[in-house]
């Protein structure tokens, strides 16, 4: 009798063991599904790290990196523009819109520049000075997204104002 009771107990344990394994199964996700979910979760409009100029290398916070990048770019362009002593026939208070690209190699270029015709007539050197200024200022590192260098675009307004 002991053997028969032991056999039934063993059979019950095996039965419950096999039937309860379904409670411990994990859902398997295909690599395609995982990739699709990851791509949906990524914010493609933001980078993890902004392009870096040499003077911004020690900035670790994302907002500080962005601020340092923009400030360095603006200051360098203003210095390039102001290096030319020019007299204008009337006061100027105009805004130039410059679209920049920093590619995956960290190369800075202008993709578009909107200069008013009045401003171009008053300051014919302006566009050349801006391009020349950019050529002399290059980031040492591109922007990064998830550890991969990426191309980034920036829109930078520059106010040109003369005083009488």
C-alpha atoms as a PDB file:
ATOM      1  CA  UNK A   1       0.000   0.000   0.000  1.00  0.00           C
ATOM      2  CA  UNK A   2       2.789   2.378   0.720  1.00  0.00           C
ATOM      3  CA  UNK A   3       4.157   1.931  -2.793  1.00  0.00           C
ATOM      4  CA  UNK A   4       0.763   2.493  -4.372  1.00  0.00           C
ATOM      5  CA  UNK A   5       0.193   5.700  -2.334  1.00  0.00           C
ATOM      6  CA  UNK A   6       3.702   6.839  -3.162  1.00  0.00           C
ATOM      7  CA  UNK A   7       3.080   6.204  -6.900  1.00  0.00           C
ATOM      8  CA  UNK A   8      -0.164   8.198  -6.860  1.00  0.00           C
ATOM      9  CA  UNK A   9       1.535  11.015  -4.962  1.00  0.00           C
ATOM     10  CA  UNK A  10       4.395  10.978  -7.464  1.00  0.00           C
ATOM     11  CA  UNK A  11       1.942  11.059 -10.383  1.00  0.00           C
ATOM     12  CA  UNK A  12       0.050  13.976  -8.840  1.00  0.00           C
ATOM     13  CA  UNK A  13       3.288  15.888  -8.278  1.00  0.00           C
ATOM     14  CA  UNK A  14       4.376  15.332 -11.905  1.00  0.00           C
ATOM     15  CA  UNK A  15       0.928  16.358 -13.165  1.00  0.00           C
ATOM     16  CA  UNK A  16       0.874  19.550 -11.086  1.00  0.00           C
ATOM     17  CA  UNK A  17       4.485  20.261 -11.987  1.00  0.00           C
ATOM     18  CA  UNK A  18       3.775  20.024 -15.705  1.00  0.00           C
ATOM     19  CA  UNK A  19       0.544  21.961 -15.597  1.00  0.00           C
ATOM     20  CA  UNK A  20       1.890  24.739 -13.377  1.00  0.00           C
ATOM     21  CA  UNK A  21       4.873  25.432 -15.643  1.00  0.00           C
ATOM     22  CA  UNK A  22       2.574  27.505 -17.861  1.00  0.00           C
ATOM     23  CA  UNK A  23       2.293  30.010 -14.985  1.00  0.00           C
ATOM     24  CA  UNK A  24       6.048  30.582 -15.065  1.00  0.00           C
ATOM     25  CA  UNK A  25       6.456  31.024 -18.813  1.00  0.00           C
ATOM     26  CA  UNK A  26       7.599  34.462 -19.918  1.00  0.00           C
ATOM     27  CA  UNK A  27       6.304  36.117 -23.008  1.00  0.00           C
ATOM     28  CA  UNK A  28       8.859  36.014 -25.781  1.00  0.00           C
ATOM     29  CA  UNK A  29       9.308  39.191 -27.825  1.00  0.00           C
ATOM     30  CA  UNK A  30      10.731  39.023 -31.298  1.00  0.00           C
ATOM     31  CA  UNK A  31      13.751  41.199 -32.059  1.00  0.00           C
ATOM     32  CA  UNK A  32      11.671  43.116 -34.630  1.00  0.00           C
ATOM     33  CA  UNK A  33       9.014  43.940 -32.032  1.00  0.00           C
ATOM     34  CA  UNK A  34      11.678  45.005 -29.542  1.00  0.00           C
ATOM     35  CA  UNK A  35      13.338  47.233 -32.162  1.00  0.00           C
ATOM     36  CA  UNK A  36      10.013  48.829 -33.120  1.00  0.00           C
ATOM     37  CA  UNK A  37       9.238  49.601 -29.468  1.00  0.00           C
ATOM     38  CA  UNK A  38      12.710  51.087 -28.940  1.00  0.00           C
ATOM     39  CA  UNK A  39      12.419  53.280 -32.034  1.00  0.00           C
ATOM     40  CA  UNK A  40       9.036  54.576 -30.840  1.00  0.00           C
ATOM     41  CA  UNK A  41      10.528  55.404 -27.434  1.00  0.00           C
ATOM     42  CA  UNK A  42      13.415  57.501 -28.839  1.00  0.00           C
ATOM     43  CA  UNK A  43      12.886  61.264 -29.037  1.00  0.00           C
ATOM     44  CA  UNK A  44      14.448  61.984 -32.431  1.00  0.00           C
ATOM     45  CA  UNK A  45      14.195  65.763 -31.985  1.00  0.00           C
ATOM     46  CA  UNK A  46      16.725  65.838 -29.148  1.00  0.00           C
ATOM     47  CA  UNK A  47      20.314  64.721 -28.822  1.00  0.00           C
ATOM     48  CA  UNK A  48      21.962  63.231 -25.760  1.00  0.00           C
ATOM     49  CA  UNK A  49      25.051  65.411 -26.168  1.00  0.00           C
ATOM     50  CA  UNK A  50      25.397  68.643 -28.147  1.00  0.00           C
ATOM     51  CA  UNK A  51      28.297  69.357 -30.502  1.00  0.00           C
ATOM     52  CA  UNK A  52      31.330  70.500 -28.540  1.00  0.00           C
ATOM     53  CA  UNK A  53      33.777  73.337 -29.076  1.00  0.00           C
ATOM     54  CA  UNK A  54      37.129  73.152 -27.313  1.00  0.00           C
ATOM     55  CA  UNK A  55      36.094  75.676 -24.642  1.00  0.00           C
ATOM     56  CA  UNK A  56      32.972  73.589 -23.855  1.00  0.00           C
ATOM     57  CA  UNK A  57      34.709  70.229 -23.304  1.00  0.00           C
ATOM     58  CA  UNK A  58      34.241  70.268 -19.531  1.00  0.00           C
ATOM     59  CA  UNK A  59      30.489  70.903 -19.639  1.00  0.00           C
ATOM     60  CA  UNK A  60      28.697  67.706 -18.644  1.00  0.00           C
ATOM     61  CA  UNK A  61      25.068  68.791 -18.330  1.00  0.00           C
ATOM     62  CA  UNK A  62      23.060  68.824 -21.550  1.00  0.00           C
ATOM     63  CA  UNK A  63      21.664  72.353 -21.104  1.00  0.00           C
ATOM     64  CA  UNK A  64      25.133  73.703 -20.252  1.00  0.00           C
ATOM     65  CA  UNK A  65      26.522  72.048 -23.392  1.00  0.00           C
ATOM     66  CA  UNK A  66      23.798  73.643 -25.505  1.00  0.00           C
ATOM     67  CA  UNK A  67      24.306  77.050 -23.937  1.00  0.00           C
ATOM     68  CA  UNK A  68      28.089  76.885 -24.339  1.00  0.00           C
ATOM     69  CA  UNK A  69      27.758  75.784 -27.971  1.00  0.00           C
ATOM     70  CA  UNK A  70      25.343  78.607 -28.853  1.00  0.00           C
ATOM     71  CA  UNK A  71      27.264  81.272 -26.910  1.00  0.00           C
ATOM     72  CA  UNK A  72      30.580  80.279 -28.500  1.00  0.00           C
ATOM     73  CA  UNK A  73      29.025  80.349 -31.967  1.00  0.00           C
ATOM     74  CA  UNK A  74      27.323  83.727 -31.471  1.00  0.00           C
ATOM     75  CA  UNK A  75      30.378  85.386 -29.914  1.00  0.00           C
ATOM     76  CA  UNK A  76      32.663  84.119 -32.669  1.00  0.00           C
ATOM     77  CA  UNK A  77      30.319  85.337 -35.410  1.00  0.00           C
ATOM     78  CA  UNK A  78      29.939  88.769 -33.782  1.00  0.00           C
ATOM     79  CA  UNK A  79      33.728  89.082 -33.567  1.00  0.00           C
ATOM     80  CA  UNK A  80      34.027  88.143 -37.243  1.00  0.00           C
ATOM     81  CA  UNK A  81      31.399  90.704 -38.254  1.00  0.00           C
ATOM     82  CA  UNK A  82      32.754  93.509 -36.053  1.00  0.00           C
ATOM     83  CA  UNK A  83      36.287  93.130 -37.390  1.00  0.00           C
ATOM     84  CA  UNK A  84      35.178  95.202 -40.393  1.00  0.00           C
ATOM     85  CA  UNK A  85      34.896  98.947 -39.746  1.00  0.00           C
ATOM     86  CA  UNK A  86      32.003 100.117 -41.887  1.00  0.00           C
ATOM     87  CA  UNK A  87      29.987 103.270 -42.235  1.00  0.00           C
ATOM     88  CA  UNK A  88      26.325 102.949 -43.118  1.00  0.00           C
ATOM     89  CA  UNK A  89      24.045 105.584 -44.618  1.00  0.00           C
ATOM     90  CA  UNK A  90      21.152 104.864 -42.244  1.00  0.00           C
ATOM     91  CA  UNK A  91      20.541 103.044 -38.984  1.00  0.00           C
ATOM     92  CA  UNK A  92      20.097  99.289 -39.196  1.00  0.00           C
ATOM     93  CA  UNK A  93      18.100  97.059 -36.921  1.00  0.00           C
ATOM     94  CA  UNK A  94      17.730  93.764 -38.760  1.00  0.00           C
ATOM     95  CA  UNK A  95      17.815  90.081 -37.905  1.00  0.00           C
ATOM     96  CA  UNK A  96      19.673  87.505 -39.944  1.00  0.00           C
ATOM     97  CA  UNK A  97      18.454  83.924 -39.674  1.00  0.00           C
ATOM     98  CA  UNK A  98      21.188  81.336 -40.191  1.00  0.00           C
ATOM     99  CA  UNK A  99      20.511  77.606 -40.398  1.00  0.00           C
ATOM    100  CA  UNK A 100      23.554  75.538 -39.420  1.00  0.00           C
ATOM    101  CA  UNK A 101      24.394  71.887 -39.777  1.00  0.00           C
ATOM    102  CA  UNK A 102      26.944  70.013 -37.707  1.00  0.00           C
ATOM    103  CA  UNK A 103      27.444  66.679 -39.453  1.00  0.00           C
ATOM    104  CA  UNK A 104      28.416  63.309 -37.958  1.00  0.00           C
ATOM    105  CA  UNK A 105      32.106  64.201 -38.301  1.00  0.00           C
ATOM    106  CA  UNK A 106      31.691  67.473 -36.389  1.00  0.00           C
ATOM    107  CA  UNK A 107      31.955  69.702 -39.462  1.00  0.00           C
ATOM    108  CA  UNK A 108      30.013  72.955 -39.220  1.00  0.00           C
ATOM    109  CA  UNK A 109      28.356  74.450 -42.301  1.00  0.00           C
ATOM    110  CA  UNK A 110      25.580  76.860 -43.251  1.00  0.00           C
ATOM    111  CA  UNK A 111      22.537  75.306 -44.895  1.00  0.00           C
ATOM    112  CA  UNK A 112      20.612  78.568 -45.316  1.00  0.00           C
ATOM    113  CA  UNK A 113      21.114  82.253 -44.561  1.00  0.00           C
ATOM    114  CA  UNK A 114      18.346  84.858 -44.787  1.00  0.00           C
ATOM    115  CA  UNK A 115      19.727  88.375 -45.123  1.00  0.00           C
ATOM    116  CA  UNK A 116      17.427  91.268 -45.976  1.00  0.00           C
ATOM    117  CA  UNK A 117      18.339  93.060 -49.224  1.00  0.00           C
ATOM    118  CA  UNK A 118      18.634  96.419 -47.413  1.00  0.00           C
ATOM    119  CA  UNK A 119      21.114  94.873 -45.010  1.00  0.00           C
ATOM    120  CA  UNK A 120      23.049  93.302 -47.894  1.00  0.00           C
ATOM    121  CA  UNK A 121      23.270  96.684 -49.640  1.00  0.00           C
ATOM    122  CA  UNK A 122      24.415  98.489 -46.503  1.00  0.00           C
ATOM    123  CA  UNK A 123      26.868  95.764 -45.446  1.00  0.00           C
ATOM    124  CA  UNK A 124      27.977  93.919 -48.598  1.00  0.00           C
ATOM    125  CA  UNK A 125      30.782  92.121 -46.712  1.00  0.00           C
ATOM    126  CA  UNK A 126      28.416  90.629 -44.142  1.00  0.00           C
ATOM    127  CA  UNK A 127      27.668  87.265 -45.744  1.00  0.00           C
ATOM    128  CA  UNK A 128      31.346  86.712 -46.570  1.00  0.00           C
ATOM    129  CA  UNK A 129      32.379  87.581 -42.982  1.00  0.00           C
ATOM    130  CA  UNK A 130      29.863  85.137 -41.540  1.00  0.00           C
ATOM    131  CA  UNK A 131      31.056  82.325 -43.812  1.00  0.00           C
ATOM    132  CA  UNK A 132      34.691  83.174 -43.096  1.00  0.00           C
ATOM    133  CA  UNK A 133      33.972  83.218 -39.350  1.00  0.00           C
ATOM    134  CA  UNK A 134      32.416  79.766 -39.495  1.00  0.00           C
ATOM    135  CA  UNK A 135      35.339  78.370 -41.454  1.00  0.00           C
ATOM    136  CA  UNK A 136      37.663  79.403 -38.639  1.00  0.00           C
ATOM    137  CA  UNK A 137      35.482  77.836 -35.944  1.00  0.00           C
ATOM    138  CA  UNK A 138      34.873  74.118 -36.005  1.00  0.00           C
ATOM    139  CA  UNK A 139      33.519  71.880 -33.227  1.00  0.00           C
ATOM    140  CA  UNK A 140      35.891  69.208 -31.985  1.00  0.00           C
ATOM    141  CA  UNK A 141      33.070  66.676 -31.606  1.00  0.00           C
ATOM    142  CA  UNK A 142      29.630  66.177 -33.188  1.00  0.00           C
ATOM    143  CA  UNK A 143      26.363  65.691 -31.348  1.00  0.00           C
ATOM    144  CA  UNK A 144      25.605  62.213 -30.043  1.00  0.00           C
ATOM    145  CA  UNK A 145      22.416  60.195 -29.744  1.00  0.00           C
ATOM    146  CA  UNK A 146      22.723  56.959 -27.779  1.00  0.00           C
ATOM    147  CA  UNK A 147      26.470  57.004 -28.191  1.00  0.00           C
ATOM    148  CA  UNK A 148      26.343  57.398 -31.977  1.00  0.00           C
ATOM    149  CA  UNK A 149      27.528  60.608 -33.723  1.00  0.00           C
ATOM    150  CA  UNK A 150      24.581  62.276 -35.480  1.00  0.00           C
ATOM    151  CA  UNK A 151      23.933  65.229 -37.765  1.00  0.00           C
ATOM    152  CA  UNK A 152      22.235  68.163 -36.038  1.00  0.00           C
ATOM    153  CA  UNK A 153      20.680  71.355 -37.317  1.00  0.00           C
ATOM    154  CA  UNK A 154      20.434  74.703 -35.568  1.00  0.00           C
ATOM    155  CA  UNK A 155      18.617  77.921 -36.358  1.00  0.00           C
ATOM    156  CA  UNK A 156      20.422  80.982 -35.085  1.00  0.00           C
ATOM    157  CA  UNK A 157      19.040  84.527 -35.255  1.00  0.00           C
ATOM    158  CA  UNK A 158      21.697  87.260 -35.285  1.00  0.00           C
ATOM    159  CA  UNK A 159      20.633  90.844 -34.681  1.00  0.00           C
ATOM    160  CA  UNK A 160      22.550  93.479 -36.604  1.00  0.00           C
ATOM    161  CA  UNK A 161      22.012  96.910 -35.082  1.00  0.00           C
ATOM    162  CA  UNK A 162      23.897 100.115 -35.743  1.00  0.00           C
ATOM    163  CA  UNK A 163      23.933 103.192 -33.585  1.00  0.00           C
ATOM    164  CA  UNK A 164      23.934 106.760 -34.879  1.00  0.00           C
END
